[in-house]
N, C-alpha and C. Protein backbone atom coordinates (compact mmCIF):
# COMPACT_ATOMS: atom_id res chain seq x y z
N UNK A 1 144.75 89.41 161.40
CA UNK A 1 145.91 89.03 160.59
C UNK A 1 146.78 88.08 161.39
N UNK A 2 147.27 87.04 160.79
CA UNK A 2 148.08 86.07 161.51
C UNK A 2 149.53 86.48 161.54
N UNK A 3 150.24 86.00 162.53
CA UNK A 3 151.65 86.35 162.66
C UNK A 3 152.49 85.78 161.54
N UNK A 4 151.96 84.77 160.82
CA UNK A 4 152.75 84.17 159.75
C UNK A 4 153.06 85.15 158.64
N UNK A 5 152.27 86.21 158.53
CA UNK A 5 152.52 87.19 157.47
C UNK A 5 153.90 87.81 157.61
N UNK A 6 154.39 87.93 158.83
CA UNK A 6 155.66 88.60 159.02
C UNK A 6 156.82 87.77 158.50
N UNK A 7 156.61 86.50 158.19
CA UNK A 7 157.69 85.65 157.72
C UNK A 7 157.90 85.76 156.21
N UNK A 8 157.01 86.46 155.50
CA UNK A 8 157.20 86.66 154.08
C UNK A 8 158.37 87.61 153.87
N UNK A 9 159.37 87.26 153.08
CA UNK A 9 160.54 88.12 152.91
C UNK A 9 160.20 89.38 152.14
N UNK A 10 160.71 90.51 152.60
CA UNK A 10 160.47 91.77 151.90
C UNK A 10 161.36 91.88 150.68
N UNK A 11 160.82 92.50 149.60
CA UNK A 11 161.63 92.63 148.41
C UNK A 11 161.25 93.83 147.58
N UNK A 12 161.10 95.02 148.18
CA UNK A 12 160.73 96.19 147.40
C UNK A 12 161.88 96.65 146.51
N UNK A 13 161.57 97.48 145.55
CA UNK A 13 162.59 97.99 144.64
C UNK A 13 163.54 98.94 145.35
N UNK A 14 163.07 99.53 146.44
CA UNK A 14 163.94 100.37 147.25
C UNK A 14 163.72 99.96 148.70
N UNK A 15 164.78 99.83 149.45
CA UNK A 15 164.63 99.43 150.85
C UNK A 15 165.32 100.43 151.74
N UNK A 16 164.61 100.94 152.77
CA UNK A 16 165.26 101.84 153.71
C UNK A 16 166.28 101.11 154.55
N UNK A 17 167.26 101.84 155.01
CA UNK A 17 168.25 101.27 155.90
C UNK A 17 167.70 101.31 157.31
N UNK A 18 167.17 100.19 157.75
CA UNK A 18 166.51 100.15 159.05
C UNK A 18 167.34 99.37 160.04
N UNK A 19 167.12 99.66 161.32
CA UNK A 19 167.80 98.92 162.36
C UNK A 19 167.09 97.62 162.64
N UNK A 20 167.49 96.91 163.67
CA UNK A 20 166.88 95.63 163.99
C UNK A 20 165.52 95.80 164.62
N UNK A 21 164.71 94.74 164.56
CA UNK A 21 163.41 94.78 165.19
C UNK A 21 163.56 94.48 166.67
N UNK A 22 162.50 94.74 167.43
CA UNK A 22 162.51 94.53 168.87
C UNK A 22 161.37 93.60 169.23
N UNK A 23 161.34 93.16 170.48
CA UNK A 23 160.26 92.30 170.93
C UNK A 23 158.97 93.12 171.00
N UNK A 24 157.94 92.64 170.30
CA UNK A 24 156.69 93.39 170.19
C UNK A 24 155.51 92.46 170.44
N UNK A 25 154.37 93.02 170.86
CA UNK A 25 153.15 92.23 170.95
C UNK A 25 152.77 91.63 169.61
N UNK A 26 152.01 90.55 169.62
CA UNK A 26 151.63 89.85 168.39
C UNK A 26 150.90 90.78 167.43
N UNK A 27 150.05 91.66 167.95
CA UNK A 27 149.33 92.59 167.08
C UNK A 27 150.28 93.45 166.25
N UNK A 28 151.34 93.95 166.90
CA UNK A 28 152.28 94.80 166.20
C UNK A 28 153.13 93.99 165.22
N UNK A 29 153.48 92.76 165.59
CA UNK A 29 154.20 91.90 164.66
C UNK A 29 153.36 91.62 163.41
N UNK A 30 152.06 91.42 163.61
CA UNK A 30 151.17 91.16 162.50
C UNK A 30 151.01 92.38 161.61
N UNK A 31 150.94 93.57 162.21
CA UNK A 31 150.87 94.80 161.42
C UNK A 31 152.13 94.94 160.56
N UNK A 32 153.27 94.78 161.18
CA UNK A 32 154.52 94.88 160.42
C UNK A 32 154.61 93.81 159.35
N UNK A 33 154.12 92.61 159.65
CA UNK A 33 154.13 91.54 158.67
C UNK A 33 153.25 91.84 157.47
N UNK A 34 152.11 92.47 157.73
CA UNK A 34 151.23 92.85 156.62
C UNK A 34 151.90 93.83 155.69
N UNK A 35 152.57 94.82 156.25
CA UNK A 35 153.29 95.79 155.42
C UNK A 35 154.43 95.12 154.65
N UNK A 36 155.14 94.20 155.29
CA UNK A 36 156.23 93.52 154.60
C UNK A 36 155.72 92.64 153.47
N UNK A 37 154.58 92.01 153.69
CA UNK A 37 153.98 91.20 152.64
C UNK A 37 153.66 92.06 151.42
N UNK A 38 153.01 93.19 151.64
CA UNK A 38 152.66 94.08 150.52
C UNK A 38 153.91 94.62 149.85
N UNK A 39 154.91 95.00 150.64
CA UNK A 39 156.15 95.51 150.06
C UNK A 39 156.81 94.45 149.18
N UNK A 40 156.82 93.21 149.66
CA UNK A 40 157.47 92.14 148.91
C UNK A 40 156.77 91.88 147.59
N UNK A 41 155.45 91.83 147.60
CA UNK A 41 154.70 91.46 146.41
C UNK A 41 154.55 92.60 145.41
N UNK A 42 154.66 93.84 145.89
CA UNK A 42 154.51 94.99 144.99
C UNK A 42 155.85 95.55 144.53
N UNK A 43 156.93 95.16 145.20
CA UNK A 43 158.24 95.68 144.84
C UNK A 43 158.88 94.96 143.67
N UNK A 44 158.60 93.67 143.55
CA UNK A 44 159.15 92.90 142.44
C UNK A 44 158.34 91.62 142.29
N UNK A 45 158.43 90.97 141.16
CA UNK A 45 157.69 89.74 140.94
C UNK A 45 158.20 88.67 141.91
N UNK A 46 157.30 87.96 142.59
CA UNK A 46 157.74 86.96 143.56
C UNK A 46 158.37 85.75 142.89
N UNK A 47 159.38 85.19 143.52
CA UNK A 47 159.98 83.96 143.03
C UNK A 47 159.19 82.77 143.58
N UNK A 48 159.62 81.57 143.23
CA UNK A 48 158.88 80.37 143.62
C UNK A 48 158.82 80.22 145.14
N UNK A 49 159.94 80.51 145.81
CA UNK A 49 159.97 80.37 147.26
C UNK A 49 158.99 81.31 147.93
N UNK A 50 158.93 82.55 147.45
CA UNK A 50 158.01 83.52 148.03
C UNK A 50 156.56 83.09 147.83
N UNK A 51 156.22 82.60 146.63
CA UNK A 51 154.86 82.13 146.40
C UNK A 51 154.51 80.96 147.32
N UNK A 52 155.46 80.08 147.56
CA UNK A 52 155.21 78.97 148.46
C UNK A 52 154.95 79.45 149.87
N UNK A 53 155.69 80.47 150.30
CA UNK A 53 155.48 81.02 151.63
C UNK A 53 154.13 81.70 151.74
N UNK A 54 153.76 82.45 150.70
CA UNK A 54 152.44 83.08 150.69
C UNK A 54 151.34 82.04 150.69
N UNK A 55 151.55 80.94 150.00
CA UNK A 55 150.54 79.87 149.94
C UNK A 55 150.24 79.32 151.32
N UNK A 56 151.21 79.35 152.23
CA UNK A 56 150.98 78.87 153.59
C UNK A 56 149.96 79.70 154.33
N UNK A 57 149.72 80.92 153.86
CA UNK A 57 148.73 81.77 154.52
C UNK A 57 147.33 81.18 154.43
N UNK A 58 147.06 80.42 153.38
CA UNK A 58 145.74 79.83 153.20
C UNK A 58 145.38 78.92 154.38
N UNK A 59 146.37 78.20 154.91
CA UNK A 59 146.09 77.27 155.99
C UNK A 59 146.00 77.97 157.34
N UNK A 60 146.71 79.08 157.50
CA UNK A 60 146.78 79.74 158.81
C UNK A 60 145.78 80.86 158.98
N UNK A 61 145.18 81.36 157.89
CA UNK A 61 144.30 82.51 157.98
C UNK A 61 142.94 82.12 158.57
N UNK A 62 142.39 83.02 159.37
CA UNK A 62 141.04 82.88 159.92
C UNK A 62 140.09 83.62 159.00
N UNK A 63 139.30 82.90 158.24
CA UNK A 63 138.46 83.49 157.19
C UNK A 63 137.13 84.00 157.70
N UNK A 64 137.01 84.25 159.00
CA UNK A 64 135.74 84.72 159.54
C UNK A 64 135.53 86.22 159.38
N UNK A 65 136.56 86.95 158.98
CA UNK A 65 136.41 88.38 158.73
C UNK A 65 137.07 88.71 157.39
N UNK A 66 136.95 89.96 156.93
CA UNK A 66 137.41 90.32 155.60
C UNK A 66 138.91 90.16 155.45
N UNK A 67 139.69 90.57 156.46
CA UNK A 67 141.13 90.49 156.33
C UNK A 67 141.57 89.02 156.30
N UNK A 68 140.93 88.17 157.10
CA UNK A 68 141.27 86.75 157.07
C UNK A 68 140.86 86.09 155.79
N UNK A 69 139.67 86.45 155.28
CA UNK A 69 139.21 85.88 154.01
C UNK A 69 140.13 86.30 152.86
N UNK A 70 140.51 87.58 152.86
CA UNK A 70 141.40 88.07 151.80
C UNK A 70 142.75 87.38 151.86
N UNK A 71 143.26 87.16 153.07
CA UNK A 71 144.54 86.48 153.22
C UNK A 71 144.45 85.04 152.75
N UNK A 72 143.34 84.38 153.09
CA UNK A 72 143.15 83.00 152.67
C UNK A 72 143.08 82.88 151.15
N UNK A 73 142.35 83.80 150.52
CA UNK A 73 142.24 83.78 149.06
C UNK A 73 143.59 84.05 148.40
N UNK A 74 144.38 84.97 149.00
CA UNK A 74 145.71 85.23 148.47
C UNK A 74 146.59 84.01 148.57
N UNK A 75 146.51 83.32 149.69
CA UNK A 75 147.28 82.10 149.85
C UNK A 75 146.89 81.02 148.85
N UNK A 76 145.59 80.86 148.63
CA UNK A 76 145.13 79.88 147.65
C UNK A 76 145.58 80.24 146.24
N UNK A 77 145.53 81.55 145.92
CA UNK A 77 145.99 82.00 144.60
C UNK A 77 147.47 81.72 144.41
N UNK A 78 148.26 81.94 145.45
CA UNK A 78 149.70 81.67 145.38
C UNK A 78 149.95 80.18 145.19
N UNK A 79 149.17 79.36 145.87
CA UNK A 79 149.34 77.91 145.76
C UNK A 79 149.06 77.43 144.33
N UNK A 80 148.09 78.04 143.68
CA UNK A 80 147.63 77.57 142.37
C UNK A 80 148.27 78.31 141.19
N UNK A 81 149.21 79.23 141.46
CA UNK A 81 149.78 80.05 140.40
C UNK A 81 151.16 79.56 139.99
N UNK A 82 151.45 79.66 138.71
CA UNK A 82 152.79 79.37 138.20
C UNK A 82 153.64 80.62 138.31
N UNK A 83 154.86 80.46 138.76
CA UNK A 83 155.72 81.62 138.98
C UNK A 83 155.95 82.39 137.68
N UNK A 84 156.03 81.68 136.56
CA UNK A 84 156.25 82.36 135.28
C UNK A 84 155.07 83.25 134.91
N UNK A 85 153.86 82.79 135.19
CA UNK A 85 152.67 83.59 134.87
C UNK A 85 152.56 84.79 135.80
N UNK A 86 152.90 84.61 137.05
CA UNK A 86 152.88 85.74 137.98
C UNK A 86 153.91 86.78 137.57
N UNK A 87 155.08 86.31 137.11
CA UNK A 87 156.11 87.23 136.63
C UNK A 87 155.60 88.03 135.44
N UNK A 88 154.94 87.36 134.48
CA UNK A 88 154.39 88.07 133.33
C UNK A 88 153.31 89.07 133.76
N UNK A 89 152.51 88.66 134.72
CA UNK A 89 151.45 89.53 135.23
C UNK A 89 152.02 90.79 135.88
N UNK A 90 153.06 90.59 136.69
CA UNK A 90 153.72 91.73 137.33
C UNK A 90 154.25 92.69 136.28
N UNK A 91 154.87 92.15 135.25
CA UNK A 91 155.42 92.99 134.18
C UNK A 91 154.32 93.78 133.49
N UNK A 92 153.21 93.11 133.16
CA UNK A 92 152.11 93.80 132.48
C UNK A 92 151.48 94.88 133.37
N UNK A 93 151.41 94.62 134.65
CA UNK A 93 150.78 95.57 135.57
C UNK A 93 151.64 96.79 135.84
N UNK A 94 152.93 96.58 136.07
CA UNK A 94 153.77 97.63 136.62
C UNK A 94 154.93 98.09 135.74
N UNK A 95 155.22 97.36 134.67
CA UNK A 95 156.36 97.71 133.83
C UNK A 95 155.92 97.96 132.39
N UNK A 96 155.45 96.92 131.72
CA UNK A 96 154.91 97.05 130.38
C UNK A 96 155.91 97.53 129.35
N UNK A 97 155.40 97.91 128.19
CA UNK A 97 156.23 98.50 127.14
C UNK A 97 156.08 100.01 127.24
N UNK A 98 157.02 100.63 127.92
CA UNK A 98 156.91 102.06 128.20
C UNK A 98 156.36 102.33 129.58
N UNK A 99 155.23 101.70 129.92
CA UNK A 99 154.67 101.76 131.26
C UNK A 99 153.66 100.64 131.42
N UNK A 100 153.42 100.24 132.65
CA UNK A 100 152.45 99.19 132.92
C UNK A 100 151.04 99.73 132.98
N UNK A 101 150.10 98.82 133.24
CA UNK A 101 148.71 99.22 133.35
C UNK A 101 148.49 100.15 134.54
N UNK A 102 149.24 99.94 135.61
CA UNK A 102 149.10 100.75 136.81
C UNK A 102 150.40 101.52 137.09
N UNK A 103 150.27 102.67 137.73
CA UNK A 103 151.42 103.47 138.16
C UNK A 103 151.40 103.53 139.68
N UNK A 104 152.22 102.73 140.35
CA UNK A 104 152.12 102.59 141.81
C UNK A 104 152.86 103.68 142.59
N UNK A 105 152.61 104.93 142.24
CA UNK A 105 153.32 106.05 142.87
C UNK A 105 152.32 107.05 143.46
N UNK A 106 152.67 107.55 144.63
CA UNK A 106 151.79 108.51 145.29
C UNK A 106 151.58 109.75 144.43
N UNK A 107 152.63 110.30 143.84
CA UNK A 107 152.50 111.51 143.05
C UNK A 107 151.52 111.31 141.90
N UNK A 108 151.58 110.15 141.26
CA UNK A 108 150.71 109.88 140.13
C UNK A 108 149.25 109.88 140.57
N UNK A 109 148.97 109.20 141.67
CA UNK A 109 147.58 109.11 142.14
C UNK A 109 147.07 110.44 142.68
N UNK A 110 147.93 111.23 143.26
CA UNK A 110 147.48 112.47 143.90
C UNK A 110 147.49 113.67 142.96
N UNK A 111 148.33 113.62 141.92
CA UNK A 111 148.42 114.79 141.02
C UNK A 111 148.24 114.45 139.55
N UNK A 112 148.36 113.16 139.20
CA UNK A 112 148.30 112.77 137.80
C UNK A 112 149.64 112.82 137.10
N UNK A 113 150.70 113.14 137.85
CA UNK A 113 152.04 113.23 137.28
C UNK A 113 153.03 112.61 138.23
N UNK A 114 154.19 112.20 137.68
CA UNK A 114 155.28 111.68 138.50
C UNK A 114 156.14 112.84 139.01
N UNK A 115 156.87 112.55 140.09
CA UNK A 115 157.87 113.48 140.62
C UNK A 115 157.26 114.83 140.97
N UNK A 116 156.07 114.83 141.59
CA UNK A 116 155.41 116.08 141.96
C UNK A 116 155.52 116.34 143.45
N UNK A 117 154.77 117.31 143.95
CA UNK A 117 154.89 117.79 145.33
C UNK A 117 154.83 116.68 146.38
N UNK A 118 153.96 115.65 146.25
CA UNK A 118 153.95 114.60 147.28
C UNK A 118 155.29 113.92 147.45
N UNK A 119 156.06 113.80 146.37
CA UNK A 119 157.39 113.20 146.47
C UNK A 119 158.33 114.09 147.27
N UNK A 120 158.24 115.40 147.10
CA UNK A 120 159.07 116.31 147.87
C UNK A 120 158.78 116.22 149.35
N UNK A 121 157.48 116.13 149.71
CA UNK A 121 157.10 116.00 151.12
C UNK A 121 157.63 114.68 151.69
N UNK A 122 157.51 113.62 150.89
CA UNK A 122 158.01 112.32 151.34
C UNK A 122 159.52 112.37 151.57
N UNK A 123 160.26 112.96 150.65
CA UNK A 123 161.71 113.02 150.82
C UNK A 123 162.10 113.78 152.09
N UNK A 124 161.36 114.82 152.40
CA UNK A 124 161.61 115.56 153.65
C UNK A 124 161.38 114.66 154.85
N UNK A 125 160.28 113.90 154.84
CA UNK A 125 159.96 113.04 155.97
C UNK A 125 160.93 111.86 156.08
N UNK A 126 161.36 111.34 154.95
CA UNK A 126 162.36 110.25 154.99
C UNK A 126 163.68 110.74 155.56
N UNK A 127 164.06 111.95 155.18
CA UNK A 127 165.30 112.52 155.72
C UNK A 127 165.20 112.68 157.23
N UNK A 128 164.03 113.10 157.71
CA UNK A 128 163.84 113.26 159.16
C UNK A 128 163.94 111.92 159.89
N UNK A 129 163.58 110.84 159.19
CA UNK A 129 163.69 109.50 159.77
C UNK A 129 165.07 108.90 159.61
N UNK A 130 165.95 109.59 158.89
CA UNK A 130 167.30 109.09 158.66
C UNK A 130 167.37 108.04 157.56
N UNK A 131 166.39 108.03 156.65
CA UNK A 131 166.35 107.07 155.54
C UNK A 131 166.87 107.75 154.29
N UNK A 132 167.88 107.17 153.68
CA UNK A 132 168.50 107.74 152.49
C UNK A 132 168.13 106.94 151.25
N UNK A 133 168.03 107.61 150.13
CA UNK A 133 167.74 106.97 148.86
C UNK A 133 168.92 106.12 148.43
N UNK A 134 168.62 104.92 147.94
CA UNK A 134 169.65 104.03 147.39
C UNK A 134 170.09 104.62 146.04
N UNK A 135 171.36 104.99 145.89
CA UNK A 135 171.81 105.61 144.63
C UNK A 135 171.73 104.68 143.42
N UNK A 136 171.62 103.37 143.65
CA UNK A 136 171.54 102.41 142.56
C UNK A 136 170.11 102.18 142.07
N UNK A 137 169.14 102.84 142.70
CA UNK A 137 167.74 102.65 142.35
C UNK A 137 167.21 103.89 141.67
N UNK A 138 166.60 103.72 140.50
CA UNK A 138 166.09 104.87 139.75
C UNK A 138 164.64 105.19 140.06
N UNK A 139 163.90 104.27 140.69
CA UNK A 139 162.50 104.50 141.00
C UNK A 139 162.33 105.66 141.99
N UNK A 140 161.31 106.51 141.79
CA UNK A 140 161.01 107.51 142.82
C UNK A 140 160.65 106.84 144.15
N UNK A 141 160.93 107.53 145.22
CA UNK A 141 160.71 106.95 146.55
C UNK A 141 159.25 106.75 146.90
N UNK A 142 158.33 107.37 146.17
CA UNK A 142 156.92 107.25 146.53
C UNK A 142 156.24 106.02 145.91
N UNK A 143 157.02 105.05 145.48
CA UNK A 143 156.49 103.75 145.08
C UNK A 143 155.81 103.11 146.29
N UNK A 144 154.66 102.47 146.07
CA UNK A 144 153.91 101.93 147.20
C UNK A 144 154.69 100.87 147.96
N UNK A 145 155.56 100.11 147.28
CA UNK A 145 156.35 99.10 147.97
C UNK A 145 157.31 99.75 148.96
N UNK A 146 157.93 100.85 148.56
CA UNK A 146 158.83 101.57 149.45
C UNK A 146 158.08 102.11 150.66
N UNK A 147 156.91 102.67 150.43
CA UNK A 147 156.13 103.23 151.53
C UNK A 147 155.71 102.14 152.52
N UNK A 148 155.34 100.97 152.00
CA UNK A 148 154.99 99.87 152.88
C UNK A 148 156.21 99.37 153.66
N UNK A 149 157.37 99.38 153.03
CA UNK A 149 158.57 98.95 153.73
C UNK A 149 158.93 99.93 154.84
N UNK A 150 158.75 101.22 154.60
CA UNK A 150 159.00 102.20 155.66
C UNK A 150 158.03 101.98 156.82
N UNK A 151 156.74 101.75 156.51
CA UNK A 151 155.78 101.50 157.57
C UNK A 151 156.13 100.24 158.36
N UNK A 152 156.59 99.20 157.66
CA UNK A 152 157.03 97.98 158.37
C UNK A 152 158.16 98.30 159.33
N UNK A 153 159.10 99.11 158.88
CA UNK A 153 160.22 99.51 159.74
C UNK A 153 159.72 100.27 160.97
N UNK A 154 158.82 101.22 160.76
CA UNK A 154 158.32 102.03 161.87
C UNK A 154 157.59 101.15 162.89
N UNK A 155 156.83 100.17 162.41
CA UNK A 155 156.10 99.29 163.33
C UNK A 155 157.04 98.34 164.04
N UNK A 156 157.89 97.64 163.29
CA UNK A 156 158.70 96.58 163.87
C UNK A 156 159.87 97.09 164.70
N UNK A 157 160.27 98.35 164.46
CA UNK A 157 161.30 98.94 165.32
C UNK A 157 160.67 99.67 166.51
N UNK A 158 159.35 99.63 166.62
CA UNK A 158 158.68 100.22 167.77
C UNK A 158 158.69 101.72 167.81
N UNK A 159 158.65 102.37 166.64
CA UNK A 159 158.59 103.83 166.63
C UNK A 159 157.28 104.31 167.27
N UNK A 160 157.25 105.53 167.82
CA UNK A 160 156.06 106.01 168.51
C UNK A 160 154.82 105.98 167.61
N UNK A 161 153.68 105.75 168.24
CA UNK A 161 152.43 105.67 167.52
C UNK A 161 152.20 106.90 166.65
N UNK A 162 152.44 108.08 167.17
CA UNK A 162 152.16 109.28 166.41
C UNK A 162 153.03 109.39 165.16
N UNK A 163 154.24 108.91 165.23
CA UNK A 163 155.11 108.92 164.05
C UNK A 163 154.57 107.96 162.99
N UNK A 164 154.12 106.78 163.43
CA UNK A 164 153.51 105.84 162.49
C UNK A 164 152.26 106.45 161.86
N UNK A 165 151.41 107.02 162.70
CA UNK A 165 150.16 107.58 162.21
C UNK A 165 150.40 108.71 161.22
N UNK A 166 151.35 109.59 161.53
CA UNK A 166 151.62 110.72 160.65
C UNK A 166 152.12 110.26 159.28
N UNK A 167 153.01 109.26 159.28
CA UNK A 167 153.53 108.78 158.00
C UNK A 167 152.42 108.11 157.20
N UNK A 168 151.63 107.28 157.85
CA UNK A 168 150.56 106.60 157.13
C UNK A 168 149.55 107.59 156.59
N UNK A 169 149.08 108.51 157.43
CA UNK A 169 148.04 109.44 157.00
C UNK A 169 148.54 110.39 155.91
N UNK A 170 149.81 110.72 155.93
CA UNK A 170 150.35 111.64 154.93
C UNK A 170 150.66 110.94 153.61
N UNK A 171 151.27 109.77 153.67
CA UNK A 171 151.86 109.19 152.47
C UNK A 171 151.12 107.97 151.91
N UNK A 172 150.22 107.36 152.67
CA UNK A 172 149.51 106.20 152.17
C UNK A 172 147.99 106.39 152.15
N UNK A 173 147.43 106.90 153.23
CA UNK A 173 145.98 106.99 153.34
C UNK A 173 145.30 107.71 152.18
N UNK A 174 145.87 108.82 151.65
CA UNK A 174 145.15 109.55 150.60
C UNK A 174 144.97 108.78 149.28
N UNK A 175 145.72 107.69 149.08
CA UNK A 175 145.64 107.03 147.77
C UNK A 175 145.73 105.52 147.78
N UNK A 176 146.09 104.90 148.90
CA UNK A 176 146.30 103.45 148.88
C UNK A 176 145.01 102.70 148.59
N UNK A 177 143.87 103.22 149.06
CA UNK A 177 142.60 102.55 148.77
C UNK A 177 142.29 102.55 147.29
N UNK A 178 142.52 103.68 146.63
CA UNK A 178 142.27 103.76 145.18
C UNK A 178 143.20 102.83 144.41
N UNK A 179 144.46 102.79 144.84
CA UNK A 179 145.41 101.91 144.17
C UNK A 179 144.98 100.45 144.30
N UNK A 180 144.60 100.02 145.51
CA UNK A 180 144.21 98.63 145.71
C UNK A 180 142.94 98.29 144.92
N UNK A 181 142.01 99.24 144.83
CA UNK A 181 140.81 99.02 144.03
C UNK A 181 141.17 98.87 142.56
N UNK A 182 142.09 99.71 142.08
CA UNK A 182 142.53 99.61 140.69
C UNK A 182 143.26 98.28 140.44
N UNK A 183 144.05 97.85 141.41
CA UNK A 183 144.76 96.58 141.27
C UNK A 183 143.77 95.42 141.21
N UNK A 184 142.75 95.47 142.05
CA UNK A 184 141.74 94.41 142.07
C UNK A 184 140.99 94.31 140.75
N UNK A 185 140.83 95.44 140.07
CA UNK A 185 140.06 95.44 138.83
C UNK A 185 140.88 95.57 137.57
N UNK A 186 142.20 95.50 137.67
CA UNK A 186 143.05 95.68 136.49
C UNK A 186 142.85 94.55 135.49
N UNK A 187 142.92 94.90 134.22
CA UNK A 187 142.72 93.91 133.16
C UNK A 187 143.76 92.80 133.22
N UNK A 188 144.99 93.16 133.56
CA UNK A 188 146.07 92.18 133.58
C UNK A 188 146.12 91.37 134.87
N UNK A 189 145.32 91.73 135.86
CA UNK A 189 145.41 91.11 137.18
C UNK A 189 144.66 89.79 137.23
N UNK A 190 145.32 88.75 137.67
CA UNK A 190 144.71 87.47 138.00
C UNK A 190 145.14 87.13 139.43
N UNK A 191 146.40 86.75 139.60
CA UNK A 191 146.93 86.57 140.96
C UNK A 191 146.87 87.88 141.75
N UNK A 192 147.25 88.97 141.11
CA UNK A 192 147.34 90.24 141.82
C UNK A 192 145.99 90.83 142.19
N UNK A 193 144.94 90.32 141.60
CA UNK A 193 143.60 90.74 142.03
C UNK A 193 143.38 90.39 143.50
N UNK A 194 143.90 89.25 143.90
CA UNK A 194 143.79 88.83 145.30
C UNK A 194 144.66 89.68 146.21
N UNK A 195 145.82 90.12 145.71
CA UNK A 195 146.65 91.01 146.52
C UNK A 195 145.96 92.36 146.68
N UNK A 196 145.27 92.83 145.63
CA UNK A 196 144.52 94.07 145.76
C UNK A 196 143.45 93.98 146.83
N UNK A 197 142.76 92.84 146.88
CA UNK A 197 141.73 92.67 147.91
C UNK A 197 142.36 92.63 149.30
N UNK A 198 143.48 91.92 149.42
CA UNK A 198 144.16 91.89 150.73
C UNK A 198 144.61 93.29 151.12
N UNK A 199 145.19 94.04 150.17
CA UNK A 199 145.64 95.39 150.48
C UNK A 199 144.51 96.28 150.92
N UNK A 200 143.35 96.19 150.27
CA UNK A 200 142.19 96.99 150.65
C UNK A 200 141.78 96.70 152.07
N UNK A 201 141.70 95.40 152.42
CA UNK A 201 141.29 95.02 153.77
C UNK A 201 142.34 95.43 154.80
N UNK A 202 143.60 95.27 154.46
CA UNK A 202 144.67 95.61 155.40
C UNK A 202 144.72 97.11 155.67
N UNK A 203 144.67 97.92 154.62
CA UNK A 203 144.74 99.37 154.82
C UNK A 203 143.50 99.90 155.54
N UNK A 204 142.34 99.30 155.29
CA UNK A 204 141.14 99.70 156.02
C UNK A 204 141.29 99.41 157.50
N UNK A 205 141.88 98.25 157.81
CA UNK A 205 142.14 97.90 159.21
C UNK A 205 143.12 98.87 159.84
N UNK A 206 144.14 99.29 159.09
CA UNK A 206 145.09 100.27 159.61
C UNK A 206 144.42 101.63 159.86
N UNK A 207 143.52 102.02 158.97
CA UNK A 207 142.78 103.27 159.18
C UNK A 207 142.00 103.21 160.49
N UNK A 208 141.34 102.09 160.75
CA UNK A 208 140.58 101.95 161.98
C UNK A 208 141.51 101.94 163.19
N UNK A 209 142.65 101.28 163.05
CA UNK A 209 143.62 101.24 164.15
C UNK A 209 144.07 102.63 164.55
N UNK A 210 144.44 103.44 163.56
CA UNK A 210 144.90 104.78 163.88
C UNK A 210 143.78 105.67 164.37
N UNK A 211 142.56 105.45 163.90
CA UNK A 211 141.43 106.26 164.36
C UNK A 211 141.08 105.93 165.81
N UNK A 212 141.13 104.66 166.16
CA UNK A 212 140.78 104.23 167.52
C UNK A 212 141.81 104.69 168.54
N UNK A 213 143.07 104.83 168.09
CA UNK A 213 144.13 105.17 169.02
C UNK A 213 144.24 106.68 169.29
N UNK A 214 143.57 107.50 168.48
CA UNK A 214 143.69 108.95 168.67
C UNK A 214 142.99 109.38 169.94
């Protein structure tokens, strides 16, 4: 993953109150950048500036492996997409009339219902991290954009490896692969099909990272 990913502005529907980032090795900056990219694109429909920034990934990505190829394809899709169409696509996927095609919540994927036990576990862990729910946001905290933003915070603020691993394995690993596969194959997905592929490659890389470090 290239360091340019970290320059994509985050824009999830809920954002934790995080402190400043610290000087980190390039690998850790790239990990945090990957999470911020996913949080930005899954939290709300990207504006024109964000799409232009994502498009720059096409030129900087090394397409010799899956994560680089996925990033390159995402950048090319951003370059060739109209912001209005991506906005419509986001609405069809995640909002819809009553609900979108996909439900990007941990509770939904793990239990088939919203606001279930996984959300209670997450709220406990967020409280332990000192992260409070934004009272102006109605979305449950287990939205995938929020989870990616928390992981970005843990990485870029240099939290201990075990804390990062525990949060990822508890709140993302059990369902993020299924969500990304569903996003890649969703009927409404055109631009977002490429984000699903990038997410699949990124989360698989994170799984290997945490496995190798144990």
